[in-house]
Amino acid sequence: MSVTPINHQNFENEVYNSTLPVLIDFWAEWCGPCRQLSPVIDELATELAGRVKVCKINVDDSPQLAQLFHVYSIPTLVVVDQKEVVATSVGVKPKKDILTMVETKISR
């Protein structure tokens, strides 16, 4: 499964109406650490397919969504399960740490 790009127009449907928990990567094109984390997010999208939806929100294109989730530094990862934020991580983390965060915080 691939990463789903999220913006203000599709946010409600893709995140809040998702039948799966959602891992959101808040990023920007100019952000070096975000570019470093991007391949890891792509791998997680494949590994978690069918269990977790993996999405990306460009903070420059959707600042209102970054504000909604109180994103002050990027990359920021947020796990949303049943419309509730259940975990947040700021900065580049190893893949195993992100996977542990996601798997321990989802209710399914």
PDB file of N, CA and C in Angstrom:
ATOM      1  N   MET A   1       0.853  -1.172   0.000  1.00  0.00           N
ATOM      2  CA  MET A   1       0.000   0.000   0.000  1.00  0.00           C
ATOM      3  C   MET A   1       0.900   1.236   0.000  1.00  0.00           C
ATOM      4  N   SER A   2       0.485   2.242  -0.693  1.00  0.00           N
ATOM      5  CA  SER A   2       1.301   3.452  -0.775  1.00  0.00           C
ATOM      6  C   SER A   2       0.839   4.491   0.254  1.00  0.00           C
ATOM      7  N   VAL A   3       1.648   5.511   0.390  1.00  0.00           N
ATOM      8  CA  VAL A   3       1.347   6.610   1.293  1.00  0.00           C
ATOM      9  C   VAL A   3       0.284   7.494   0.651  1.00  0.00           C
ATOM     10  N   THR A   4      -0.712   7.887   1.435  1.00  0.00           N
ATOM     11  CA  THR A   4      -1.800   8.729   0.952  1.00  0.00           C
ATOM     12  C   THR A   4      -1.488  10.194   1.257  1.00  0.00           C
ATOM     13  N   PRO A   5      -1.404  11.056   0.232  1.00  0.00           N
ATOM     14  CA  PRO A   5      -1.220  12.485   0.497  1.00  0.00           C
ATOM     15  C   PRO A   5      -2.520  13.078   1.039  1.00  0.00           C
ATOM     16  N   ILE A   6      -2.392  13.883   2.078  1.00  0.00           N
ATOM     17  CA  ILE A   6      -3.562  14.483   2.725  1.00  0.00           C
ATOM     18  C   ILE A   6      -3.480  15.997   2.588  1.00  0.00           C
ATOM     19  N   ASN A   7      -4.631  16.593   2.348  1.00  0.00           N
ATOM     20  CA  ASN A   7      -4.746  18.051   2.339  1.00  0.00           C
ATOM     21  C   ASN A   7      -6.060  18.408   3.030  1.00  0.00           C
ATOM     22  N   HIS A   8      -6.357  19.691   3.065  1.00  0.00           N
ATOM     23  CA  HIS A   8      -7.568  20.137   3.766  1.00  0.00           C
ATOM     24  C   HIS A   8      -8.837  19.525   3.151  1.00  0.00           C
ATOM     25  N   GLN A   9      -8.845  19.323   1.845  1.00  0.00           N
ATOM     26  CA  GLN A   9     -10.038  18.820   1.167  1.00  0.00           C
ATOM     27  C   GLN A   9     -10.324  17.350   1.475  1.00  0.00           C
ATOM     28  N   ASN A  10      -9.307  16.509   1.595  1.00  0.00           N
ATOM     29  CA  ASN A  10      -9.569  15.080   1.799  1.00  0.00           C
ATOM     30  C   ASN A  10      -9.292  14.603   3.225  1.00  0.00           C
ATOM     31  N   PHE A  11      -8.903  15.510   4.111  1.00  0.00           N
ATOM     32  CA  PHE A  11      -8.526  15.132   5.473  1.00  0.00           C
ATOM     33  C   PHE A  11      -9.637  14.382   6.204  1.00  0.00           C
ATOM     34  N   GLU A  12     -10.798  14.942   6.263  1.00  0.00           N
ATOM     35  CA  GLU A  12     -11.906  14.329   7.025  1.00  0.00           C
ATOM     36  C   GLU A  12     -12.167  12.902   6.539  1.00  0.00           C
ATOM     37  N   ASN A  13     -12.271  12.732   5.244  1.00  0.00           N
ATOM     38  CA  ASN A  13     -12.562  11.412   4.694  1.00  0.00           C
ATOM     39  C   ASN A  13     -11.415  10.423   4.918  1.00  0.00           C
ATOM     40  N   GLU A  14     -10.197  10.849   4.652  1.00  0.00           N
ATOM     41  CA  GLU A  14      -9.050   9.941   4.717  1.00  0.00           C
ATOM     42  C   GLU A  14      -8.572   9.644   6.142  1.00  0.00           C
ATOM     43  N   VAL A  15      -8.740  10.606   7.047  1.00  0.00           N
ATOM     44  CA  VAL A  15      -8.231  10.417   8.407  1.00  0.00           C
ATOM     45  C   VAL A  15      -9.373  10.128   9.387  1.00  0.00           C
ATOM     46  N   TYR A  16     -10.269  11.069   9.565  1.00  0.00           N
ATOM     47  CA  TYR A  16     -11.315  10.889  10.577  1.00  0.00           C
ATOM     48  C   TYR A  16     -12.338   9.817  10.201  1.00  0.00           C
ATOM     49  N   ASN A  17     -12.557   9.593   8.915  1.00  0.00           N
ATOM     50  CA  ASN A  17     -13.509   8.557   8.502  1.00  0.00           C
ATOM     51  C   ASN A  17     -12.833   7.237   8.140  1.00  0.00           C
ATOM     52  N   SER A  18     -11.557   7.123   8.423  1.00  0.00           N
ATOM     53  CA  SER A  18     -10.824   5.904   8.117  1.00  0.00           C
ATOM     54  C   SER A  18     -11.283   4.765   9.023  1.00  0.00           C
ATOM     55  N   THR A  19     -11.413   3.591   8.441  1.00  0.00           N
ATOM     56  CA  THR A  19     -11.748   2.402   9.233  1.00  0.00           C
ATOM     57  C   THR A  19     -10.502   1.821   9.901  1.00  0.00           C
ATOM     58  N   LEU A  20      -9.337   2.321   9.511  1.00  0.00           N
ATOM     59  CA  LEU A  20      -8.063   1.884  10.077  1.00  0.00           C
ATOM     60  C   LEU A  20      -7.432   3.010  10.888  1.00  0.00           C
ATOM     61  N   PRO A  21      -6.587   2.681  11.849  1.00  0.00           N
ATOM     62  CA  PRO A  21      -5.779   3.732  12.481  1.00  0.00           C
ATOM     63  C   PRO A  21      -4.914   4.398  11.407  1.00  0.00           C
ATOM     64  N   VAL A  22      -4.514   5.638  11.655  1.00  0.00           N
ATOM     65  CA  VAL A  22      -3.778   6.410  10.653  1.00  0.00           C
ATOM     66  C   VAL A  22      -2.471   6.931  11.251  1.00  0.00           C
ATOM     67  N   LEU A  23      -1.375   6.689  10.530  1.00  0.00           N
ATOM     68  CA  LEU A  23      -0.088   7.290  10.856  1.00  0.00           C
ATOM     69  C   LEU A  23       0.112   8.454   9.903  1.00  0.00           C
ATOM     70  N   ILE A  24       0.246   9.667  10.458  1.00  0.00           N
ATOM     71  CA  ILE A  24       0.418  10.867   9.637  1.00  0.00           C
ATOM     72  C   ILE A  24       1.841  11.381   9.801  1.00  0.00           C
ATOM     73  N   ASP A  25       2.491  11.618   8.674  1.00  0.00           N
ATOM     74  CA  ASP A  25       3.814  12.224   8.639  1.00  0.00           C
ATOM     75  C   ASP A  25       3.654  13.675   8.203  1.00  0.00           C
ATOM     76  N   PHE A  26       3.907  14.622   9.118  1.00  0.00           N
ATOM     77  CA  PHE A  26       3.911  16.045   8.780  1.00  0.00           C
ATOM     78  C   PHE A  26       5.317  16.389   8.308  1.00  0.00           C
ATOM     79  N   TRP A  27       5.419  16.947   7.101  1.00  0.00           N
ATOM     80  CA  TRP A  27       6.716  17.160   6.465  1.00  0.00           C
ATOM     81  C   TRP A  27       6.677  18.406   5.590  1.00  0.00           C
ATOM     82  N   ALA A  28       7.849  18.740   5.024  1.00  0.00           N
ATOM     83  CA  ALA A  28       7.967  19.803   4.020  1.00  0.00           C
ATOM     84  C   ALA A  28       9.116  19.438   3.088  1.00  0.00           C
ATOM     85  N   GLU A  29       9.018  19.898   1.845  1.00  0.00           N
ATOM     86  CA  GLU A  29      10.038  19.575   0.839  1.00  0.00           C
ATOM     87  C   GLU A  29      11.426  20.094   1.209  1.00  0.00           C
ATOM     88  N   TRP A  30      11.494  21.225   1.866  1.00  0.00           N
ATOM     89  CA  TRP A  30      12.770  21.855   2.199  1.00  0.00           C
ATOM     90  C   TRP A  30      13.434  21.251   3.441  1.00  0.00           C
ATOM     91  N   CYS A  31      12.759  20.337   4.100  1.00  0.00           N
ATOM     92  CA  CYS A  31      13.202  19.784   5.387  1.00  0.00           C
ATOM     93  C   CYS A  31      14.091  18.552   5.174  1.00  0.00           C
ATOM     94  N   GLY A  32      15.386  18.687   5.477  1.00  0.00           N
ATOM     95  CA  GLY A  32      16.319  17.577   5.330  1.00  0.00           C
ATOM     96  C   GLY A  32      15.943  16.355   6.152  1.00  0.00           C
ATOM     97  N   PRO A  33      15.653  16.511   7.445  1.00  0.00           N
ATOM     98  CA  PRO A  33      15.241  15.350   8.232  1.00  0.00           C
ATOM     99  C   PRO A  33      13.967  14.683   7.686  1.00  0.00           C
ATOM    100  N   CYS A  34      13.071  15.473   7.124  1.00  0.00           N
ATOM    101  CA  CYS A  34      11.854  14.912   6.526  1.00  0.00           C
ATOM    102  C   CYS A  34      12.208  14.027   5.335  1.00  0.00           C
ATOM    103  N   ARG A  35      13.135  14.492   4.517  1.00  0.00           N
ATOM    104  CA  ARG A  35      13.576  13.698   3.366  1.00  0.00           C
ATOM    105  C   ARG A  35      14.276  12.419   3.827  1.00  0.00           C
ATOM    106  N   GLN A  36      14.992  12.501   4.939  1.00  0.00           N
ATOM    107  CA  GLN A  36      15.659  11.329   5.500  1.00  0.00           C
ATOM    108  C   GLN A  36      14.634  10.304   5.985  1.00  0.00           C
ATOM    109  N   LEU A  37      13.548  10.764   6.550  1.00  0.00           N
ATOM    110  CA  LEU A  37      12.520   9.883   7.099  1.00  0.00           C
ATOM    111  C   LEU A  37      11.592   9.312   6.025  1.00  0.00           C
ATOM    112  N   SER A  38      11.484   9.969   4.904  1.00  0.00           N
ATOM    113  CA  SER A  38      10.524   9.594   3.862  1.00  0.00           C
ATOM    114  C   SER A  38      10.601   8.132   3.414  1.00  0.00           C
ATOM    115  N   PRO A  39      11.784   7.579   3.144  1.00  0.00           N
ATOM    116  CA  PRO A  39      11.833   6.169   2.731  1.00  0.00           C
ATOM    117  C   PRO A  39      11.333   5.217   3.829  1.00  0.00           C
ATOM    118  N   VAL A  40      11.549   5.590   5.078  1.00  0.00           N
ATOM    119  CA  VAL A  40      11.068   4.779   6.200  1.00  0.00           C
ATOM    120  C   VAL A  40       9.538   4.789   6.224  1.00  0.00           C
ATOM    121  N   ILE A  41       8.957   5.941   5.987  1.00  0.00           N
ATOM    122  CA  ILE A  41       7.492   6.052   5.955  1.00  0.00           C
ATOM    123  C   ILE A  41       6.942   5.206   4.813  1.00  0.00           C
ATOM    124  N   ASP A  42       7.606   5.226   3.672  1.00  0.00           N
ATOM    125  CA  ASP A  42       7.178   4.395   2.541  1.00  0.00           C
ATOM    126  C   ASP A  42       7.234   2.908   2.899  1.00  0.00           C
ATOM    127  N   GLU A  43       8.297   2.489   3.562  1.00  0.00           N
ATOM    128  CA  GLU A  43       8.423   1.087   3.982  1.00  0.00           C
ATOM    129  C   GLU A  43       7.320   0.714   4.964  1.00  0.00           C
ATOM    130  N   LEU A  44       7.029   1.605   5.905  1.00  0.00           N
ATOM    131  CA  LEU A  44       5.980   1.332   6.888  1.00  0.00           C
ATOM    132  C   LEU A  44       4.614   1.214   6.218  1.00  0.00           C
ATOM    133  N   ALA A  45       4.377   2.020   5.194  1.00  0.00           N
ATOM    134  CA  ALA A  45       3.104   1.937   4.474  1.00  0.00           C
ATOM    135  C   ALA A  45       2.911   0.542   3.896  1.00  0.00           C
ATOM    136  N   THR A  46       3.982  -0.039   3.380  1.00  0.00           N
ATOM    137  CA  THR A  46       3.913  -1.389   2.825  1.00  0.00           C
ATOM    138  C   THR A  46       3.756  -2.431   3.930  1.00  0.00           C
ATOM    139  N   GLU A  47       4.559  -2.310   4.973  1.00  0.00           N
ATOM    140  CA  GLU A  47       4.534  -3.293   6.056  1.00  0.00           C
ATOM    141  C   GLU A  47       3.228  -3.274   6.856  1.00  0.00           C
ATOM    142  N   LEU A  48       2.623  -2.109   6.990  1.00  0.00           N
ATOM    143  CA  LEU A  48       1.408  -1.973   7.801  1.00  0.00           C
ATOM    144  C   LEU A  48       0.127  -2.044   6.972  1.00  0.00           C
ATOM    145  N   ALA A  49       0.256  -2.280   5.687  1.00  0.00           N
ATOM    146  CA  ALA A  49      -0.913  -2.315   4.784  1.00  0.00           C
ATOM    147  C   ALA A  49      -1.984  -3.251   5.334  1.00  0.00           C
ATOM    148  N   GLY A  50      -3.210  -2.743   5.342  1.00  0.00           N
ATOM    149  CA  GLY A  50      -4.335  -3.522   5.832  1.00  0.00           C
ATOM    150  C   GLY A  50      -4.569  -3.376   7.327  1.00  0.00           C
ATOM    151  N   ARG A  51      -3.572  -2.834   8.034  1.00  0.00           N
ATOM    152  CA  ARG A  51      -3.713  -2.630   9.487  1.00  0.00           C
ATOM    153  C   ARG A  51      -3.697  -1.162   9.872  1.00  0.00           C
ATOM    154  N   VAL A  52      -2.901  -0.366   9.140  1.00  0.00           N
ATOM    155  CA  VAL A  52      -2.746   1.063   9.423  1.00  0.00           C
ATOM    156  C   VAL A  52      -2.653   1.803   8.101  1.00  0.00           C
ATOM    157  N   LYS A  53      -3.365   2.916   7.989  1.00  0.00           N
ATOM    158  CA  LYS A  53      -3.241   3.780   6.815  1.00  0.00           C
ATOM    159  C   LYS A  53      -2.104   4.763   7.086  1.00  0.00           C
ATOM    160  N   VAL A  54      -1.209   4.912   6.143  1.00  0.00           N
ATOM    161  CA  VAL A  54      -0.076   5.822   6.293  1.00  0.00           C
ATOM    162  C   VAL A  54      -0.281   7.009   5.361  1.00  0.00           C
ATOM    163  N   CYS A  55      -0.201   8.212   5.935  1.00  0.00           N
ATOM    164  CA  CYS A  55      -0.487   9.440   5.186  1.00  0.00           C
ATOM    165  C   CYS A  55       0.623  10.462   5.407  1.00  0.00           C
ATOM    166  N   LYS A  56       0.686  11.430   4.488  1.00  0.00           N
ATOM    167  CA  LYS A  56       1.627  12.546   4.606  1.00  0.00           C
ATOM    168  C   LYS A  56       0.862  13.850   4.440  1.00  0.00           C
ATOM    169  N   ILE A  57       1.229  14.818   5.265  1.00  0.00           N
ATOM    170  CA  ILE A  57       0.673  16.163   5.149  1.00  0.00           C
ATOM    171  C   ILE A  57       1.836  17.134   5.001  1.00  0.00           C
ATOM    172  N   ASN A  58       1.869  17.844   3.872  1.00  0.00           N
ATOM    173  CA  ASN A  58       2.868  18.871   3.640  1.00  0.00           C
ATOM    174  C   ASN A  58       2.433  20.119   4.417  1.00  0.00           C
ATOM    175  N   VAL A  59       3.238  20.526   5.391  1.00  0.00           N
ATOM    176  CA  VAL A  59       2.854  21.637   6.257  1.00  0.00           C
ATOM    177  C   VAL A  59       2.800  22.969   5.515  1.00  0.00           C
ATOM    178  N   ASP A  60       3.539  23.085   4.418  1.00  0.00           N
ATOM    179  CA  ASP A  60       3.495  24.321   3.639  1.00  0.00           C
ATOM    180  C   ASP A  60       2.197  24.419   2.844  1.00  0.00           C
ATOM    181  N   ASP A  61       1.695  23.280   2.382  1.00  0.00           N
ATOM    182  CA  ASP A  61       0.458  23.261   1.602  1.00  0.00           C
ATOM    183  C   ASP A  61      -0.789  23.237   2.481  1.00  0.00           C
ATOM    184  N   SER A  62      -0.661  22.727   3.704  1.00  0.00           N
ATOM    185  CA  SER A  62      -1.823  22.586   4.600  1.00  0.00           C
ATOM    186  C   SER A  62      -1.474  23.066   6.010  1.00  0.00           C
ATOM    187  N   PRO A  63      -1.158  24.353   6.149  1.00  0.00           N
ATOM    188  CA  PRO A  63      -0.767  24.853   7.476  1.00  0.00           C
ATOM    189  C   PRO A  63      -1.882  24.732   8.508  1.00  0.00           C
ATOM    190  N   GLN A  64      -3.136  24.776   8.064  1.00  0.00           N
ATOM    191  CA  GLN A  64      -4.251  24.664   9.003  1.00  0.00           C
ATOM    192  C   GLN A  64      -4.289  23.280   9.654  1.00  0.00           C
ATOM    193  N   LEU A  65      -3.888  22.246   8.926  1.00  0.00           N
ATOM    194  CA  LEU A  65      -3.847  20.899   9.511  1.00  0.00           C
ATOM    195  C   LEU A  65      -2.675  20.777  10.482  1.00  0.00           C
ATOM    196  N   ALA A  66      -1.547  21.387  10.150  1.00  0.00           N
ATOM    197  CA  ALA A  66      -0.412  21.399  11.074  1.00  0.00           C
ATOM    198  C   ALA A  66      -0.809  22.100  12.370  1.00  0.00           C
ATOM    199  N   GLN A  67      -1.533  23.190  12.241  1.00  0.00           N
ATOM    200  CA  GLN A  67      -1.994  23.928  13.415  1.00  0.00           C
ATOM    201  C   GLN A  67      -2.984  23.096  14.226  1.00  0.00           C
ATOM    202  N   LEU A  68      -3.887  22.401  13.559  1.00  0.00           N
ATOM    203  CA  LEU A  68      -4.878  21.563  14.231  1.00  0.00           C
ATOM    204  C   LEU A  68      -4.212  20.511  15.120  1.00  0.00           C
ATOM    205  N   PHE A  69      -3.072  19.983  14.657  1.00  0.00           N
ATOM    206  CA  PHE A  69      -2.361  18.951  15.400  1.00  0.00           C
ATOM    207  C   PHE A  69      -1.191  19.505  16.218  1.00  0.00           C
ATOM    208  N   HIS A  70      -1.107  20.837  16.343  1.00  0.00           N
ATOM    209  CA  HIS A  70      -0.067  21.498  17.132  1.00  0.00           C
ATOM    210  C   HIS A  70       1.336  21.083  16.697  1.00  0.00           C
ATOM    211  N   VAL A  71       1.542  21.061  15.392  1.00  0.00           N
ATOM    212  CA  VAL A  71       2.850  20.710  14.833  1.00  0.00           C
ATOM    213  C   VAL A  71       3.693  21.982  14.772  1.00  0.00           C
ATOM    214  N   TYR A  72       4.746  22.003  15.579  1.00  0.00           N
ATOM    215  CA  TYR A  72       5.625  23.163  15.646  1.00  0.00           C
ATOM    216  C   TYR A  72       7.012  22.868  15.095  1.00  0.00           C
ATOM    217  N   SER A  73       7.301  21.586  14.885  1.00  0.00           N
ATOM    218  CA  SER A  73       8.595  21.166  14.371  1.00  0.00           C
ATOM    219  C   SER A  73       8.359  19.957  13.472  1.00  0.00           C
ATOM    220  N   ILE A  74       9.156  19.854  12.421  1.00  0.00           N
ATOM    221  CA  ILE A  74       8.989  18.712  11.526  1.00  0.00           C
ATOM    222  C   ILE A  74      10.314  18.002  11.354  1.00  0.00           C
ATOM    223  N   PRO A  75      10.287  16.726  11.074  1.00  0.00           N
ATOM    224  CA  PRO A  75       9.105  15.901  10.884  1.00  0.00           C
ATOM    225  C   PRO A  75       8.404  15.593  12.222  1.00  0.00           C
ATOM    226  N   THR A  76       7.088  15.547  12.144  1.00  0.00           N
ATOM    227  CA  THR A  76       6.272  15.116  13.276  1.00  0.00           C
ATOM    228  C   THR A  76       5.395  13.975  12.782  1.00  0.00           C
ATOM    229  N   LEU A  77       5.354  12.910  13.568  1.00  0.00           N
ATOM    230  CA  LEU A  77       4.484  11.777  13.272  1.00  0.00           C
ATOM    231  C   LEU A  77       3.361  11.751  14.296  1.00  0.00           C
ATOM    232  N   VAL A  78       2.148  11.540  13.818  1.00  0.00           N
ATOM    233  CA  VAL A  78       0.976  11.486  14.675  1.00  0.00           C
ATOM    234  C   VAL A  78       0.201  10.222  14.342  1.00  0.00           C
ATOM    235  N   VAL A  79      -0.215   9.502  15.371  1.00  0.00           N
ATOM    236  CA  VAL A  79      -1.062   8.329  15.184  1.00  0.00           C
ATOM    237  C   VAL A  79      -2.471   8.716  15.630  1.00  0.00           C
ATOM    238  N   VAL A  80      -3.430   8.557  14.715  1.00  0.00           N
ATOM    239  CA  VAL A  80      -4.835   8.843  14.995  1.00  0.00           C
ATOM    240  C   VAL A  80      -5.600   7.532  14.922  1.00  0.00           C
ATOM    241  N   ASP A  81      -6.334   7.227  15.981  1.00  0.00           N
ATOM    242  CA  ASP A  81      -7.142   6.019  16.018  1.00  0.00           C
ATOM    243  C   ASP A  81      -8.543   6.414  16.462  1.00  0.00           C
ATOM    244  N   GLN A  82      -9.507   6.150  15.626  1.00  0.00           N
ATOM    245  CA  GLN A  82     -10.910   6.483  15.907  1.00  0.00           C
ATOM    246  C   GLN A  82     -11.066   7.960  16.271  1.00  0.00           C
ATOM    247  N   LYS A  83     -10.505   8.821  15.428  1.00  0.00           N
ATOM    248  CA  LYS A  83     -10.568  10.285  15.528  1.00  0.00           C
ATOM    249  C   LYS A  83      -9.818  10.854  16.723  1.00  0.00           C
ATOM    250  N   GLU A  84      -9.016  10.062  17.394  1.00  0.00           N
ATOM    251  CA  GLU A  84      -8.290  10.518  18.574  1.00  0.00           C
ATOM    252  C   GLU A  84      -6.783  10.371  18.354  1.00  0.00           C
ATOM    253  N   VAL A  85      -6.032  11.402  18.722  1.00  0.00           N
ATOM    254  CA  VAL A  85      -4.573  11.323  18.661  1.00  0.00           C
ATOM    255  C   VAL A  85      -4.124  10.433  19.815  1.00  0.00           C
ATOM    256  N   VAL A  86      -3.442   9.341  19.474  1.00  0.00           N
ATOM    257  CA  VAL A  86      -3.010   8.398  20.501  1.00  0.00           C
ATOM    258  C   VAL A  86      -1.492   8.387  20.688  1.00  0.00           C
ATOM    259  N   ALA A  87      -0.759   8.988  19.763  1.00  0.00           N
ATOM    260  CA  ALA A  87       0.695   9.067  19.894  1.00  0.00           C
ATOM    261  C   ALA A  87       1.245  10.160  18.992  1.00  0.00           C
ATOM    262  N   THR A  88       2.345  10.758  19.445  1.00  0.00           N
ATOM    263  CA  THR A  88       3.034  11.792  18.672  1.00  0.00           C
ATOM    264  C   THR A  88       4.537  11.605  18.850  1.00  0.00           C
ATOM    265  N   SER A  89       5.271  11.834  17.776  1.00  0.00           N
ATOM    266  CA  SER A  89       6.725  11.748  17.817  1.00  0.00           C
ATOM    267  C   SER A  89       7.287  12.877  16.963  1.00  0.00           C
ATOM    268  N   VAL A  90       8.283  13.574  17.489  1.00  0.00           N
ATOM    269  CA  VAL A  90       8.904  14.678  16.773  1.00  0.00           C
ATOM    270  C   VAL A  90      10.357  14.319  16.462  1.00  0.00           C
ATOM    271  N   GLY A  91      10.747  14.556  15.223  1.00  0.00           N
ATOM    272  CA  GLY A  91      12.115  14.296  14.814  1.00  0.00           C
ATOM    273  C   GLY A  91      12.254  12.951  14.128  1.00  0.00           C
ATOM    274  N   VAL A  92      13.440  12.704  13.605  1.00  0.00           N
ATOM    275  CA  VAL A  92      13.723  11.448  12.923  1.00  0.00           C
ATOM    276  C   VAL A  92      13.939  10.370  13.971  1.00  0.00           C
ATOM    277  N   LYS A  93      13.244   9.268  13.797  1.00  0.00           N
ATOM    278  CA  LYS A  93      13.362   8.120  14.690  1.00  0.00           C
ATOM    279  C   LYS A  93      13.668   6.880  13.859  1.00  0.00           C
ATOM    280  N   PRO A  94      14.302   5.889  14.468  1.00  0.00           N
ATOM    281  CA  PRO A  94      14.527   4.629  13.749  1.00  0.00           C
ATOM    282  C   PRO A  94      13.194   3.955  13.425  1.00  0.00           C
ATOM    283  N   LYS A  95      13.192   3.214  12.338  1.00  0.00           N
ATOM    284  CA  LYS A  95      11.984   2.538  11.883  1.00  0.00           C
ATOM    285  C   LYS A  95      11.374   1.672  12.983  1.00  0.00           C
ATOM    286  N   LYS A  96      12.198   0.932  13.700  1.00  0.00           N
ATOM    287  CA  LYS A  96      11.677   0.034  14.745  1.00  0.00           C
ATOM    288  C   LYS A  96      10.965   0.823  15.840  1.00  0.00           C
ATOM    289  N   ASP A  97      11.447   2.017  16.160  1.00  0.00           N
ATOM    290  CA  ASP A  97      10.796   2.843  17.179  1.00  0.00           C
ATOM    291  C   ASP A  97       9.435   3.352  16.703  1.00  0.00           C
ATOM    292  N   ILE A  98       9.360   3.722  15.445  1.00  0.00           N
ATOM    293  CA  ILE A  98       8.082   4.184  14.882  1.00  0.00           C
ATOM    294  C   ILE A  98       7.094   3.024  14.849  1.00  0.00           C
ATOM    295  N   LEU A  99       7.552   1.872  14.420  1.00  0.00           N
ATOM    296  CA  LEU A  99       6.698   0.689  14.358  1.00  0.00           C
ATOM    297  C   LEU A  99       6.184   0.322  15.748  1.00  0.00           C
ATOM    298  N   THR A 100       7.039   0.363  16.750  1.00  0.00           N
ATOM    299  CA  THR A 100       6.627   0.076  18.122  1.00  0.00           C
ATOM    300  C   THR A 100       5.593   1.090  18.593  1.00  0.00           C
ATOM    301  N   MET A 101       5.834   2.374  18.306  1.00  0.00           N
ATOM    302  CA  MET A 101       4.888   3.418  18.705  1.00  0.00           C
ATOM    303  C   MET A 101       3.517   3.154  18.101  1.00  0.00           C
ATOM    304  N   VAL A 102       3.491   2.840  16.821  1.00  0.00           N
ATOM    305  CA  VAL A 102       2.218   2.609  16.137  1.00  0.00           C
ATOM    306  C   VAL A 102       1.530   1.374  16.697  1.00  0.00           C
ATOM    307  N   GLU A 103       2.242   0.278  16.786  1.00  0.00           N
ATOM    308  CA  GLU A 103       1.622  -0.985  17.187  1.00  0.00           C
ATOM    309  C   GLU A 103       1.168  -0.995  18.635  1.00  0.00           C
ATOM    310  N   THR A 104       1.809  -0.237  19.508  1.00  0.00           N
ATOM    311  CA  THR A 104       1.390  -0.221  20.917  1.00  0.00           C
ATOM    312  C   THR A 104       0.274   0.776  21.196  1.00  0.00           C
ATOM    313  N   LYS A 105       0.014   1.669  20.258  1.00  0.00           N
ATOM    314  CA  LYS A 105      -0.975   2.716  20.499  1.00  0.00           C
ATOM    315  C   LYS A 105      -2.314   2.509  19.797  1.00  0.00           C
ATOM    316  N   ILE A 106      -2.376   1.567  18.888  1.00  0.00           N
ATOM    317  CA  ILE A 106      -3.643   1.360  18.182  1.00  0.00           C
ATOM    318  C   ILE A 106      -4.503   0.357  18.957  1.00  0.00           C
ATOM    319  N   SER A 107      -5.794   0.522  18.866  1.00  0.00           N
ATOM    320  CA  SER A 107      -6.721  -0.294  19.663  1.00  0.00           C
ATOM    321  C   SER A 107      -7.180  -1.558  18.945  1.00  0.00           C
ATOM    322  N   ARG A 108      -6.637  -1.810  17.763  1.00  0.00           N
ATOM    323  CA  ARG A 108      -7.062  -3.011  17.019  1.00  0.00           C
ATOM    324  C   ARG A 108      -5.930  -3.972  16.859  1.00  0.00           C
TER     325      ARG A 108
END
